[in-house]
C-alpha atoms as a PDB file:
ATOM      1  CA  MET A   1       8.011  10.684  15.692  1.00  0.00           C
ATOM      2  CA  ALA A   2      10.195   7.660  16.422  1.00  0.00           C
ATOM      3  CA  ARG A   3      13.730   7.363  16.240  1.00  0.00           C
ATOM      4  CA  PRO A   4      15.468   5.411  13.337  1.00  0.00           C
ATOM      5  CA  SER A   5      16.965   2.046  15.089  1.00  0.00           C
ATOM      6  CA  PRO A   6      20.581   1.850  15.821  1.00  0.00           C
ATOM      7  CA  TYR A   7      20.408  -2.111  14.454  1.00  0.00           C
ATOM      8  CA  PRO A   8      20.927  -2.320  10.760  1.00  0.00           C
ATOM      9  CA  LEU A   9      17.861  -3.869   9.092  1.00  0.00           C
ATOM     10  CA  GLU A  10      19.934  -7.464   8.032  1.00  0.00           C
ATOM     11  CA  LEU A  11      20.824  -7.719  11.509  1.00  0.00           C
ATOM     12  CA  ARG A  12      16.825  -7.139  12.760  1.00  0.00           C
ATOM     13  CA  ARG A  13      16.060 -10.129   9.605  1.00  0.00           C
ATOM     14  CA  ARG A  14      18.876 -12.146  11.573  1.00  0.00           C
ATOM     15  CA  ALA A  15      17.669 -11.761  14.720  1.00  0.00           C
ATOM     16  CA  VAL A  16      13.963 -12.949  13.859  1.00  0.00           C
ATOM     17  CA  ARG A  17      14.866 -16.060  11.645  1.00  0.00           C
ATOM     18  CA  MET A  18      17.361 -17.096  14.576  1.00  0.00           C
ATOM     19  CA  VAL A  19      14.639 -16.960  16.707  1.00  0.00           C
ATOM     20  CA  ALA A  20      12.603 -18.988  14.602  1.00  0.00           C
ATOM     21  CA  GLU A  21      15.425 -21.527  14.097  1.00  0.00           C
ATOM     22  CA  VAL A  22      16.282 -21.732  18.234  1.00  0.00           C
ATOM     23  CA  ARG A  23      12.750 -21.727  19.571  1.00  0.00           C
ATOM     24  CA  PRO A  24      12.455 -25.404  19.643  1.00  0.00           C
ATOM     25  CA  ASP A  25      15.683 -25.795  22.006  1.00  0.00           C
ATOM     26  CA  TYR A  26      13.880 -23.532  24.702  1.00  0.00           C
ATOM     27  CA  ASP A  27      10.848 -23.813  26.856  1.00  0.00           C
ATOM     28  CA  THR A  28       9.411 -20.194  26.134  1.00  0.00           C
ATOM     29  CA  GLU A  29       9.692 -17.911  23.064  1.00  0.00           C
ATOM     30  CA  TRP A  30      11.128 -15.390  25.509  1.00  0.00           C
ATOM     31  CA  ALA A  31      13.688 -17.830  26.306  1.00  0.00           C
ATOM     32  CA  ALA A  32      14.844 -18.097  22.939  1.00  0.00           C
ATOM     33  CA  MET A  33      14.922 -14.458  22.676  1.00  0.00           C
ATOM     34  CA  LYS A  34      17.270 -14.270  25.300  1.00  0.00           C
ATOM     35  CA  ALA A  35      19.533 -16.321  23.941  1.00  0.00           C
ATOM     36  CA  VAL A  36      19.735 -14.563  20.746  1.00  0.00           C
ATOM     37  CA  VAL A  37      20.088 -11.151  22.002  1.00  0.00           C
ATOM     38  CA  GLN A  38      22.570 -12.491  24.376  1.00  0.00           C
ATOM     39  CA  LYS A  39      24.801 -14.126  20.936  1.00  0.00           C
ATOM     40  CA  LEU A  40      23.484 -10.567  18.839  1.00  0.00           C
ATOM     41  CA  GLY A  41      24.331  -8.078  21.142  1.00  0.00           C
ATOM     42  CA  VAL A  42      21.509  -6.639  21.047  1.00  0.00           C
ATOM     43  CA  ASP A  43      20.574  -4.023  23.900  1.00  0.00           C
ATOM     44  CA  ALA A  44      17.119  -5.506  25.435  1.00  0.00           C
ATOM     45  CA  THR A  45      14.883  -8.399  24.861  1.00  0.00           C
ATOM     46  CA  GLU A  46      11.714  -6.785  24.486  1.00  0.00           C
ATOM     47  CA  THR A  47      13.322  -5.309  21.077  1.00  0.00           C
ATOM     48  CA  LEU A  48      13.855  -8.509  19.562  1.00  0.00           C
ATOM     49  CA  ARG A  49      10.158  -9.112  20.734  1.00  0.00           C
ATOM     50  CA  LYS A  50       8.980  -6.424  18.882  1.00  0.00           C
ATOM     51  CA  TRP A  51      10.930  -7.051  15.804  1.00  0.00           C
ATOM     52  CA  VAL A  52       9.655 -11.232  16.210  1.00  0.00           C
ATOM     53  CA  ARG A  53       5.481  -9.313  16.621  1.00  0.00           C
ATOM     54  CA  GLN A  54       6.359  -6.650  13.542  1.00  0.00           C
ATOM     55  CA  ASP A  55       7.491  -9.797  11.451  1.00  0.00           C
ATOM     56  CA  GLN A  56       4.469 -11.949  12.322  1.00  0.00           C
ATOM     57  CA  ILE A  57       2.250  -9.055  11.354  1.00  0.00           C
ATOM     58  CA  ASP A  58       4.276  -8.694   8.171  1.00  0.00           C
ATOM     59  CA  ALA A  59       4.021 -12.265   7.618  1.00  0.00           C
ATOM     60  CA  GLY A  60       0.331 -11.927   7.890  1.00  0.00           C
ATOM     61  CA  THR A  61       0.057 -14.758  11.054  1.00  0.00           C
ATOM     62  CA  ARG A  62      -0.575 -12.344  13.809  1.00  0.00           C
ATOM     63  CA  PRO A  63      -3.276  -9.501  13.243  1.00  0.00           C
ATOM     64  CA  GLY A  64      -1.893  -5.696  13.265  1.00  0.00           C
ATOM     65  CA  THR A  65      -0.385  -2.451  11.109  1.00  0.00           C
ATOM     66  CA  THR A  66       2.209  -4.162   8.551  1.00  0.00           C
ATOM     67  CA  SER A  67       5.287  -1.896   7.740  1.00  0.00           C
ATOM     68  CA  GLU A  68       3.957  -1.524   4.557  1.00  0.00           C
ATOM     69  CA  GLU A  69       0.585   0.217   6.148  1.00  0.00           C
ATOM     70  CA  SER A  70       2.563   1.827   8.791  1.00  0.00           C
ATOM     71  CA  ALA A  71       4.836   3.253   6.127  1.00  0.00           C
ATOM     72  CA  GLY A  72       1.390   4.473   3.847  1.00  0.00           C
ATOM     73  CA  LEU A  73       0.028   6.194   6.588  1.00  0.00           C
ATOM     74  CA  LYS A  74       2.993   8.103   7.807  1.00  0.00           C
ATOM     75  CA  ARG A  75       3.225   9.360   4.100  1.00  0.00           C
ATOM     76  CA  LEU A  76      -0.385  10.030   3.518  1.00  0.00           C
ATOM     77  CA  LYS A  77       0.442  12.080   7.350  1.00  0.00           C
ATOM     78  CA  LYS A  78       3.243  14.435   5.456  1.00  0.00           C
ATOM     79  CA  GLU A  79       1.300  15.018   2.639  1.00  0.00           C
ATOM     80  CA  ASN A  80      -1.774  15.881   5.014  1.00  0.00           C
ATOM     81  CA  ALA A  81       0.087  18.314   6.922  1.00  0.00           C
ATOM     82  CA  GLU A  82       2.043  19.783   3.838  1.00  0.00           C
ATOM     83  CA  LEU A  83      -1.630  20.309   2.441  1.00  0.00           C
ATOM     84  CA  LYS A  84      -2.926  22.192   5.491  1.00  0.00           C
ATOM     85  CA  ARG A  85       0.243  24.666   5.433  1.00  0.00           C
ATOM     86  CA  ALA A  86      -0.384  25.330   1.747  1.00  0.00           C
ATOM     87  CA  ASN A  87      -4.151  26.228   2.496  1.00  0.00           C
ATOM     88  CA  ASP A  88      -3.506  28.369   5.643  1.00  0.00           C
ATOM     89  CA  ILE A  89      -0.980  30.068   3.257  1.00  0.00           C
ATOM     90  CA  LEU A  90      -3.656  30.671   0.622  1.00  0.00           C
ATOM     91  CA  LYS A  91      -5.761  31.438   3.020  1.00  0.00           C
ATOM     92  CA  ALA A  92      -3.901  34.485   4.621  1.00  0.00           C
ATOM     93  CA  ALA A  93      -3.054  35.116   0.967  1.00  0.00           C
ATOM     94  CA  ALA A  94      -6.303  35.525   0.319  1.00  0.00           C
ATOM     95  CA  SER A  95      -7.291  37.812   3.245  1.00  0.00           C
ATOM     96  CA  PHE A  96      -4.792  40.102   2.752  1.00  0.00           C
ATOM     97  CA  PHE A  97      -5.312  40.931  -1.220  1.00  0.00           C
ATOM     98  CA  ALA A  98      -9.534  40.986  -0.131  1.00  0.00           C
ATOM     99  CA  ALA A  99      -8.103  43.634   1.926  1.00  0.00           C
ATOM    100  CA  GLU A 100      -6.079  45.379  -0.323  1.00  0.00           C
ATOM    101  CA  LEU A 101      -9.105  45.578  -2.727  1.00  0.00           C
ATOM    102  CA  ASP A 102     -11.436  46.600  -0.258  1.00  0.00           C
ATOM    103  CA  ARG A 103      -8.695  49.605   0.894  1.00  0.00           C
ATOM    104  CA  SER A 104      -8.304  50.678  -3.245  1.00  0.00           C
ATOM    105  CA  HIS A 105     -12.406  50.607  -3.830  1.00  0.00           C
ATOM    106  CA  THR A 106     -12.686  53.001  -0.678  1.00  0.00           C
ATOM    107  CA  ARG A 107     -10.001  55.439  -1.719  1.00  0.00           C
ATOM    108  CA  SER A 108     -11.538  55.347  -4.927  1.00  0.00           C
END
């Protein structure tokens, strides 16, 4: 499971906007990202690159799994795991009660 970001959502959004705004001032997108990272105090340029890429995916300008789709998949995986646990409990209970019924019938 991924750990939560130490950066607030608003800072991440601001950083992504800043990259788009300053990009024309730099030769490469990476150089623009490095400048924004230094201004905002983000630990790594790669972190900002991931935010920018995810923003592009969410905007539909880049292929990939959107944040909304990721959240939906996470929710479904959690629900599936809960249903599997419940199913295992029901199977164990059914086996237990079936064994009890067999014992009560053999004693009669």
